[in-house]
Amino acid sequence: MKNDELKFFAAQLGAQIPTLDLHGFYPSDALDKLDIFIYQCIEKNADSARIIYGGGTGKLREIVLAKLKEYKVVTKFQEEGGSVVVLF
């Protein structure tokens, strides 16, 4: 199993990784929170994190995934029903 696969697997098993819950935030506020969260993860040398956007209309999901593609520090990400696990 590759290192990235092991990180995703550990996150699926419930490993303690930094988590950001964006339920109830407006999209613009969610993006501000996401920027800060990604910065904090990098400052703490985290190798993975979870971002929860929930179900709903799918708008938060859409903007979060689009924004993750813009971060140069994000190497991969994988969706998991209402959330996404991010690798740095």
C-alpha atoms as a PDB file:
ATOM      1  CA  MET A   1       0.000   0.000   0.000  1.00  0.00           C
ATOM      2  CA  LYS A   2       1.340   3.419  -0.912  1.00  0.00           C
ATOM      3  CA  ASN A   3       1.921   6.091   1.730  1.00  0.00           C
ATOM      4  CA  ASP A   4      -1.028   8.206   0.479  1.00  0.00           C
ATOM      5  CA  GLU A   5      -3.308   5.174   0.557  1.00  0.00           C
ATOM      6  CA  LEU A   6      -2.255   4.481   4.140  1.00  0.00           C
ATOM      7  CA  LYS A   7      -3.095   8.059   5.142  1.00  0.00           C
ATOM      8  CA  PHE A   8      -6.561   7.834   3.555  1.00  0.00           C
ATOM      9  CA  PHE A   9      -7.104   4.426   5.186  1.00  0.00           C
ATOM     10  CA  ALA A  10      -6.091   5.741   8.616  1.00  0.00           C
ATOM     11  CA  ALA A  11      -8.507   8.673   8.220  1.00  0.00           C
ATOM     12  CA  GLN A  12     -11.314   6.275   7.296  1.00  0.00           C
ATOM     13  CA  LEU A  13     -10.611   4.267  10.444  1.00  0.00           C
ATOM     14  CA  GLY A  14     -11.022   7.403  12.504  1.00  0.00           C
ATOM     15  CA  ALA A  15      -7.434   8.479  13.077  1.00  0.00           C
ATOM     16  CA  GLN A  16      -7.155  11.733  14.994  1.00  0.00           C
ATOM     17  CA  ILE A  17      -6.457  14.311  12.299  1.00  0.00           C
ATOM     18  CA  PRO A  18      -7.189  18.049  12.232  1.00  0.00           C
ATOM     19  CA  THR A  19     -10.858  18.587  11.364  1.00  0.00           C
ATOM     20  CA  LEU A  20     -12.821  21.591  10.153  1.00  0.00           C
ATOM     21  CA  ASP A  21     -16.628  21.464  10.291  1.00  0.00           C
ATOM     22  CA  LEU A  22     -18.239  23.946   7.885  1.00  0.00           C
ATOM     23  CA  HIS A  23     -21.892  23.058   8.585  1.00  0.00           C
ATOM     24  CA  GLY A  24     -24.052  26.156   8.641  1.00  0.00           C
ATOM     25  CA  PHE A  25     -21.522  28.558   7.153  1.00  0.00           C
ATOM     26  CA  TYR A  26     -22.241  30.759   4.163  1.00  0.00           C
ATOM     27  CA  PRO A  27     -19.929  29.931   1.234  1.00  0.00           C
ATOM     28  CA  SER A  28     -17.833  33.108   1.581  1.00  0.00           C
ATOM     29  CA  ASP A  29     -17.394  32.548   5.328  1.00  0.00           C
ATOM     30  CA  ALA A  30     -16.584  28.883   4.711  1.00  0.00           C
ATOM     31  CA  LEU A  31     -13.783  29.809   2.313  1.00  0.00           C
ATOM     32  CA  ASP A  32     -12.298  32.199   4.874  1.00  0.00           C
ATOM     33  CA  LYS A  33     -12.376  29.439   7.507  1.00  0.00           C
ATOM     34  CA  LEU A  34     -10.866  26.994   5.018  1.00  0.00           C
ATOM     35  CA  ASP A  35      -7.955  29.342   4.229  1.00  0.00           C
ATOM     36  CA  ILE A  36      -7.148  29.718   7.915  1.00  0.00           C
ATOM     37  CA  PHE A  37      -7.516  25.983   8.574  1.00  0.00           C
ATOM     38  CA  ILE A  38      -5.197  24.979   5.718  1.00  0.00           C
ATOM     39  CA  TYR A  39      -2.611  27.519   6.899  1.00  0.00           C
ATOM     40  CA  GLN A  40      -2.823  26.183  10.475  1.00  0.00           C
ATOM     41  CA  CYS A  41      -2.423  22.589   9.268  1.00  0.00           C
ATOM     42  CA  ILE A  42       0.719  23.506   7.350  1.00  0.00           C
ATOM     43  CA  GLU A  43       2.101  25.462  10.322  1.00  0.00           C
ATOM     44  CA  LYS A  44       1.594  22.370  12.523  1.00  0.00           C
ATOM     45  CA  ASN A  45       3.193  20.098   9.904  1.00  0.00           C
ATOM     46  CA  ALA A  46       0.023  18.016   9.556  1.00  0.00           C
ATOM     47  CA  ASP A  47       0.173  15.476   6.752  1.00  0.00           C
ATOM     48  CA  SER A  48      -3.613  15.139   6.476  1.00  0.00           C
ATOM     49  CA  ALA A  49      -6.860  16.795   7.550  1.00  0.00           C
ATOM     50  CA  ARG A  50     -10.623  16.333   7.277  1.00  0.00           C
ATOM     51  CA  ILE A  51     -13.054  19.004   6.095  1.00  0.00           C
ATOM     52  CA  ILE A  52     -16.740  18.402   6.737  1.00  0.00           C
ATOM     53  CA  TYR A  53     -19.189  20.182   4.473  1.00  0.00           C
ATOM     54  CA  GLY A  54     -22.252  17.964   4.991  1.00  0.00           C
ATOM     55  CA  GLY A  55     -25.048  17.199   2.566  1.00  0.00           C
ATOM     56  CA  GLY A  56     -27.600  19.884   1.898  1.00  0.00           C
ATOM     57  CA  THR A  57     -27.744  21.534  -1.516  1.00  0.00           C
ATOM     58  CA  GLY A  58     -24.160  20.637  -2.396  1.00  0.00           C
ATOM     59  CA  LYS A  59     -23.041  24.258  -2.687  1.00  0.00           C
ATOM     60  CA  LEU A  60     -20.483  24.003   0.138  1.00  0.00           C
ATOM     61  CA  ARG A  61     -19.165  20.756  -1.309  1.00  0.00           C
ATOM     62  CA  GLU A  62     -18.735  22.397  -4.691  1.00  0.00           C
ATOM     63  CA  ILE A  63     -16.835  25.441  -3.423  1.00  0.00           C
ATOM     64  CA  VAL A  64     -14.673  23.476  -0.977  1.00  0.00           C
ATOM     65  CA  LEU A  65     -13.552  20.990  -3.631  1.00  0.00           C
ATOM     66  CA  ALA A  66     -12.888  23.780  -6.127  1.00  0.00           C
ATOM     67  CA  LYS A  67     -10.844  25.699  -3.550  1.00  0.00           C
ATOM     68  CA  LEU A  68      -8.811  22.616  -2.578  1.00  0.00           C
ATOM     69  CA  LYS A  69      -7.652  22.325  -6.184  1.00  0.00           C
ATOM     70  CA  GLU A  70      -6.146  25.827  -5.906  1.00  0.00           C
ATOM     71  CA  TYR A  71      -3.921  25.114  -2.887  1.00  0.00           C
ATOM     72  CA  LYS A  72      -0.411  24.151  -3.928  1.00  0.00           C
ATOM     73  CA  VAL A  73       0.170  22.461  -0.559  1.00  0.00           C
ATOM     74  CA  VAL A  74      -2.687  19.991  -1.111  1.00  0.00           C
ATOM     75  CA  THR A  75      -1.264  16.928  -2.832  1.00  0.00           C
ATOM     76  CA  LYS A  76      -4.444  14.816  -2.952  1.00  0.00           C
ATOM     77  CA  PHE A  77      -7.924  14.673  -1.539  1.00  0.00           C
ATOM     78  CA  GLN A  78     -10.642  12.050  -1.316  1.00  0.00           C
ATOM     79  CA  GLU A  79     -14.332  12.524  -0.630  1.00  0.00           C
ATOM     80  CA  GLU A  80     -16.081  10.520   2.059  1.00  0.00           C
ATOM     81  CA  GLY A  81     -19.827  11.202   2.175  1.00  0.00           C
ATOM     82  CA  GLY A  82     -20.253  14.763   3.392  1.00  0.00           C
ATOM     83  CA  SER A  83     -16.561  15.334   4.001  1.00  0.00           C
ATOM     84  CA  VAL A  84     -13.191  15.228   2.301  1.00  0.00           C
ATOM     85  CA  VAL A  85      -9.829  13.997   3.544  1.00  0.00           C
ATOM     86  CA  VAL A  86      -6.952  16.170   2.386  1.00  0.00           C
ATOM     87  CA  LEU A  87      -3.288  15.166   2.122  1.00  0.00           C
ATOM     88  CA  PHE A  88      -0.456  17.682   2.270  1.00  0.00           C
END
